[in-house]
């Protein structure tokens, strides 16, 4: 049994697969946002602000996920590649 604040090396691939799918969905979200602003320029300001706010939140979430995967797969593996990796603060 592993401590609750560490990731076994065998489970790093699952995070990478999730990151790839998440980045694909994030790209679709950005394309939809772009098309929304292009096709509906006369929508209410409240709707436009809501779409902008949700895009900013999604961007921040994607940044945090990339940060988690980077620190567990790259930074955490540099010095001791066979040991458990501490879970980053951003989780």
N, C-alpha and C. Protein backbone atom coordinates (compact mmCIF):
# COMPACT_ATOMS: atom_id res chain seq x y z
N UNK A 1 0.84 -1.19 0.00
CA UNK A 1 0.00 0.00 0.00
C UNK A 1 0.88 1.24 0.00
N UNK A 2 0.55 2.18 -0.86
CA UNK A 2 1.32 3.41 -0.97
C UNK A 2 0.72 4.50 -0.08
N UNK A 3 1.58 5.40 0.41
CA UNK A 3 1.04 6.54 1.16
C UNK A 3 0.10 7.36 0.29
N UNK A 4 -0.85 8.04 0.91
CA UNK A 4 -1.87 8.75 0.15
C UNK A 4 -1.34 10.00 -0.55
N UNK A 5 -0.14 10.45 -0.20
CA UNK A 5 0.39 11.66 -0.84
C UNK A 5 1.50 11.36 -1.83
N UNK A 6 1.57 10.13 -2.34
CA UNK A 6 2.60 9.77 -3.31
C UNK A 6 2.00 8.94 -4.43
N UNK A 7 2.64 9.04 -5.60
CA UNK A 7 2.16 8.34 -6.79
C UNK A 7 3.16 7.25 -7.15
N UNK A 8 2.71 5.99 -7.30
CA UNK A 8 3.64 4.96 -7.75
C UNK A 8 4.02 5.18 -9.21
N UNK A 9 5.25 4.85 -9.60
CA UNK A 9 5.69 5.10 -10.98
C UNK A 9 4.84 4.42 -12.04
N UNK A 10 4.20 3.30 -11.71
CA UNK A 10 3.39 2.58 -12.70
C UNK A 10 2.13 3.34 -13.09
N UNK A 11 1.72 4.33 -12.33
CA UNK A 11 0.48 5.04 -12.60
C UNK A 11 0.69 6.37 -13.33
N UNK A 12 1.90 6.65 -13.76
CA UNK A 12 2.15 7.93 -14.43
C UNK A 12 1.54 7.96 -15.83
N UNK A 13 1.45 6.83 -16.49
CA UNK A 13 0.88 6.78 -17.83
C UNK A 13 -0.57 7.19 -17.87
N UNK A 14 -1.31 6.89 -16.83
CA UNK A 14 -2.72 7.26 -16.78
C UNK A 14 -2.88 8.77 -16.79
N UNK A 15 -2.00 9.46 -16.09
CA UNK A 15 -2.04 10.93 -16.08
C UNK A 15 -1.73 11.50 -17.45
N UNK A 16 -0.77 10.89 -18.15
CA UNK A 16 -0.43 11.38 -19.49
C UNK A 16 -1.58 11.17 -20.47
N UNK A 17 -2.22 10.03 -20.39
CA UNK A 17 -3.36 9.77 -21.28
C UNK A 17 -4.48 10.76 -20.98
N UNK A 18 -4.76 11.00 -19.72
CA UNK A 18 -5.78 11.97 -19.35
C UNK A 18 -5.44 13.37 -19.82
N UNK A 19 -4.14 13.72 -19.76
CA UNK A 19 -3.71 15.04 -20.23
C UNK A 19 -3.94 15.18 -21.73
N UNK A 20 -3.61 14.16 -22.49
CA UNK A 20 -3.79 14.24 -23.94
C UNK A 20 -5.26 14.42 -24.30
N UNK A 21 -6.14 13.65 -23.68
CA UNK A 21 -7.57 13.81 -23.95
C UNK A 21 -8.08 15.17 -23.47
N UNK A 22 -7.60 15.60 -22.31
CA UNK A 22 -8.02 16.90 -21.79
C UNK A 22 -7.59 18.05 -22.67
N UNK A 23 -6.38 17.97 -23.22
CA UNK A 23 -5.92 19.03 -24.13
C UNK A 23 -6.71 19.04 -25.43
N UNK A 24 -7.13 17.86 -25.88
CA UNK A 24 -7.97 17.80 -27.07
C UNK A 24 -9.32 18.46 -26.84
N UNK A 25 -9.92 18.17 -25.69
CA UNK A 25 -11.20 18.78 -25.35
C UNK A 25 -11.04 20.29 -25.14
N UNK A 26 -9.93 20.70 -24.56
CA UNK A 26 -9.66 22.13 -24.37
C UNK A 26 -9.56 22.84 -25.72
N UNK A 27 -8.94 22.20 -26.70
CA UNK A 27 -8.86 22.78 -28.04
C UNK A 27 -10.24 22.95 -28.67
N UNK A 28 -11.11 21.96 -28.46
CA UNK A 28 -12.48 22.07 -28.97
C UNK A 28 -13.20 23.23 -28.29
N UNK A 29 -12.97 23.39 -26.98
CA UNK A 29 -13.59 24.49 -26.24
C UNK A 29 -13.13 25.84 -26.78
N UNK A 30 -11.83 25.97 -27.05
CA UNK A 30 -11.33 27.24 -27.60
C UNK A 30 -11.90 27.51 -28.99
N UNK A 31 -12.03 26.46 -29.80
CA UNK A 31 -12.62 26.65 -31.13
C UNK A 31 -14.08 27.09 -31.02
N UNK A 32 -14.83 26.49 -30.10
CA UNK A 32 -16.23 26.88 -29.91
C UNK A 32 -16.33 28.32 -29.41
N UNK A 33 -15.43 28.71 -28.53
CA UNK A 33 -15.44 30.08 -28.03
C UNK A 33 -15.17 31.06 -29.16
N UNK A 34 -14.17 30.75 -29.96
CA UNK A 34 -13.84 31.62 -31.10
C UNK A 34 -15.02 31.74 -32.06
N UNK A 35 -15.62 30.60 -32.38
CA UNK A 35 -16.75 30.64 -33.30
C UNK A 35 -17.96 31.37 -32.71
N UNK A 36 -18.16 31.24 -31.41
CA UNK A 36 -19.27 31.93 -30.77
C UNK A 36 -19.11 33.45 -30.93
N UNK A 37 -17.92 33.95 -30.65
CA UNK A 37 -17.70 35.40 -30.75
C UNK A 37 -17.77 35.89 -32.20
N UNK A 38 -17.40 35.03 -33.15
CA UNK A 38 -17.47 35.43 -34.55
C UNK A 38 -18.89 35.39 -35.10
N UNK A 39 -19.66 34.39 -34.72
CA UNK A 39 -20.99 34.20 -35.31
C UNK A 39 -22.11 34.95 -34.60
N UNK A 40 -21.90 35.29 -33.35
CA UNK A 40 -22.95 35.95 -32.59
C UNK A 40 -22.44 37.25 -31.96
N UNK A 41 -22.06 38.21 -32.78
CA UNK A 41 -21.51 39.45 -32.22
C UNK A 41 -22.57 40.32 -31.51
N UNK A 42 -23.84 40.06 -31.77
CA UNK A 42 -24.90 40.89 -31.19
C UNK A 42 -25.55 40.26 -29.95
N UNK A 43 -24.98 39.20 -29.43
CA UNK A 43 -25.54 38.60 -28.21
C UNK A 43 -25.40 39.55 -27.03
N UNK A 44 -26.16 39.26 -26.00
CA UNK A 44 -26.13 40.11 -24.80
C UNK A 44 -24.74 40.06 -24.15
N UNK A 45 -24.39 41.17 -23.54
CA UNK A 45 -23.08 41.25 -22.90
C UNK A 45 -22.92 40.22 -21.78
N UNK A 46 -24.01 39.92 -21.09
CA UNK A 46 -23.95 38.91 -20.03
C UNK A 46 -23.53 37.55 -20.56
N UNK A 47 -24.07 37.18 -21.72
CA UNK A 47 -23.69 35.91 -22.33
C UNK A 47 -22.23 35.91 -22.75
N UNK A 48 -21.79 37.01 -23.30
CA UNK A 48 -20.38 37.10 -23.72
C UNK A 48 -19.44 37.04 -22.52
N UNK A 49 -19.82 37.72 -21.44
CA UNK A 49 -18.98 37.68 -20.23
C UNK A 49 -18.96 36.28 -19.63
N UNK A 50 -20.09 35.59 -19.67
CA UNK A 50 -20.14 34.23 -19.14
C UNK A 50 -19.23 33.29 -19.94
N UNK A 51 -19.29 33.39 -21.25
CA UNK A 51 -18.44 32.56 -22.10
C UNK A 51 -16.97 32.88 -21.84
N UNK A 52 -16.63 34.15 -21.72
CA UNK A 52 -15.25 34.55 -21.43
C UNK A 52 -14.80 34.01 -20.07
N UNK A 53 -15.65 34.15 -19.06
CA UNK A 53 -15.32 33.68 -17.73
C UNK A 53 -15.09 32.17 -17.72
N UNK A 54 -15.96 31.42 -18.37
CA UNK A 54 -15.80 29.96 -18.42
C UNK A 54 -14.55 29.56 -19.18
N UNK A 55 -14.20 30.31 -20.21
CA UNK A 55 -12.97 30.02 -20.95
C UNK A 55 -11.74 30.28 -20.08
N UNK A 56 -11.77 31.35 -19.31
CA UNK A 56 -10.66 31.64 -18.40
C UNK A 56 -10.52 30.55 -17.35
N UNK A 57 -11.63 30.10 -16.79
CA UNK A 57 -11.59 29.03 -15.79
C UNK A 57 -11.06 27.74 -16.41
N UNK A 58 -11.50 27.42 -17.61
CA UNK A 58 -11.03 26.21 -18.29
C UNK A 58 -9.54 26.31 -18.59
N UNK A 59 -9.07 27.50 -18.97
CA UNK A 59 -7.65 27.69 -19.23
C UNK A 59 -6.83 27.49 -17.96
N UNK A 60 -7.31 28.03 -16.85
CA UNK A 60 -6.61 27.85 -15.57
C UNK A 60 -6.58 26.38 -15.16
N UNK A 61 -7.69 25.68 -15.36
CA UNK A 61 -7.74 24.26 -15.04
C UNK A 61 -6.75 23.48 -15.89
N UNK A 62 -6.68 23.78 -17.18
CA UNK A 62 -5.74 23.10 -18.06
C UNK A 62 -4.31 23.38 -17.65
N UNK A 63 -4.03 24.62 -17.23
CA UNK A 63 -2.70 24.95 -16.73
C UNK A 63 -2.34 24.11 -15.51
N UNK A 64 -3.28 23.98 -14.58
CA UNK A 64 -3.00 23.19 -13.37
C UNK A 64 -2.77 21.72 -13.70
N UNK A 65 -3.54 21.16 -14.62
CA UNK A 65 -3.35 19.76 -15.00
C UNK A 65 -1.98 19.58 -15.66
N UNK A 66 -1.60 20.49 -16.54
CA UNK A 66 -0.28 20.40 -17.17
C UNK A 66 0.83 20.53 -16.13
N UNK A 67 0.63 21.39 -15.15
CA UNK A 67 1.61 21.56 -14.08
C UNK A 67 1.75 20.28 -13.26
N UNK A 68 0.64 19.63 -12.96
CA UNK A 68 0.68 18.39 -12.19
C UNK A 68 1.43 17.31 -12.96
N UNK A 69 1.08 17.13 -14.23
CA UNK A 69 1.72 16.10 -15.03
C UNK A 69 3.20 16.40 -15.22
N UNK A 70 3.55 17.66 -15.43
CA UNK A 70 4.95 18.03 -15.60
C UNK A 70 5.75 17.73 -14.34
N UNK A 71 5.23 18.12 -13.20
CA UNK A 71 6.00 17.94 -11.97
C UNK A 71 6.08 16.48 -11.54
N UNK A 72 5.10 15.65 -11.91
CA UNK A 72 5.19 14.24 -11.54
C UNK A 72 6.00 13.42 -12.55
N UNK A 73 5.94 13.77 -13.82
CA UNK A 73 6.65 12.96 -14.81
C UNK A 73 8.05 13.46 -15.13
N UNK A 74 8.31 14.72 -14.99
CA UNK A 74 9.62 15.26 -15.34
C UNK A 74 10.41 15.64 -14.09
N UNK A 75 9.90 16.58 -13.34
CA UNK A 75 10.62 17.08 -12.17
C UNK A 75 10.79 15.98 -11.12
N UNK A 76 9.75 15.22 -10.87
CA UNK A 76 9.80 14.19 -9.85
C UNK A 76 10.65 12.99 -10.22
N UNK A 77 11.00 12.84 -11.49
CA UNK A 77 11.75 11.67 -11.95
C UNK A 77 13.22 11.95 -12.19
N UNK A 78 13.70 13.17 -12.01
CA UNK A 78 15.07 13.51 -12.36
C UNK A 78 16.09 12.84 -11.44
N UNK A 79 15.90 12.97 -10.15
CA UNK A 79 16.93 12.53 -9.21
C UNK A 79 16.78 11.08 -8.79
N UNK A 80 15.57 10.61 -8.58
CA UNK A 80 15.34 9.24 -8.14
C UNK A 80 14.22 8.62 -8.97
N UNK A 81 14.54 8.07 -10.14
CA UNK A 81 13.48 7.58 -11.04
C UNK A 81 12.73 6.35 -10.57
N UNK A 82 13.21 5.66 -9.55
CA UNK A 82 12.52 4.43 -9.15
C UNK A 82 11.73 4.58 -7.86
N UNK A 83 11.75 5.74 -7.25
CA UNK A 83 11.04 5.93 -5.99
C UNK A 83 9.65 6.52 -6.22
N UNK A 84 8.89 6.56 -5.15
CA UNK A 84 7.57 7.17 -5.22
C UNK A 84 7.70 8.67 -5.41
N UNK A 85 6.70 9.27 -6.02
CA UNK A 85 6.73 10.68 -6.33
C UNK A 85 5.70 11.41 -5.48
N UNK A 86 6.10 12.46 -4.77
CA UNK A 86 5.09 13.20 -3.99
C UNK A 86 4.08 13.90 -4.90
N UNK A 87 2.84 13.92 -4.48
CA UNK A 87 1.79 14.58 -5.25
C UNK A 87 1.96 16.09 -5.10
N UNK A 88 1.93 16.86 -6.22
CA UNK A 88 2.11 18.30 -6.16
C UNK A 88 0.97 19.02 -5.43
N UNK A 89 1.24 20.23 -5.01
CA UNK A 89 0.26 21.03 -4.27
C UNK A 89 -0.97 21.33 -5.11
N UNK A 90 -0.83 21.42 -6.42
CA UNK A 90 -1.95 21.85 -7.26
C UNK A 90 -3.04 20.80 -7.39
N UNK A 91 -2.82 19.61 -6.88
CA UNK A 91 -3.87 18.59 -6.92
C UNK A 91 -4.88 18.99 -5.89
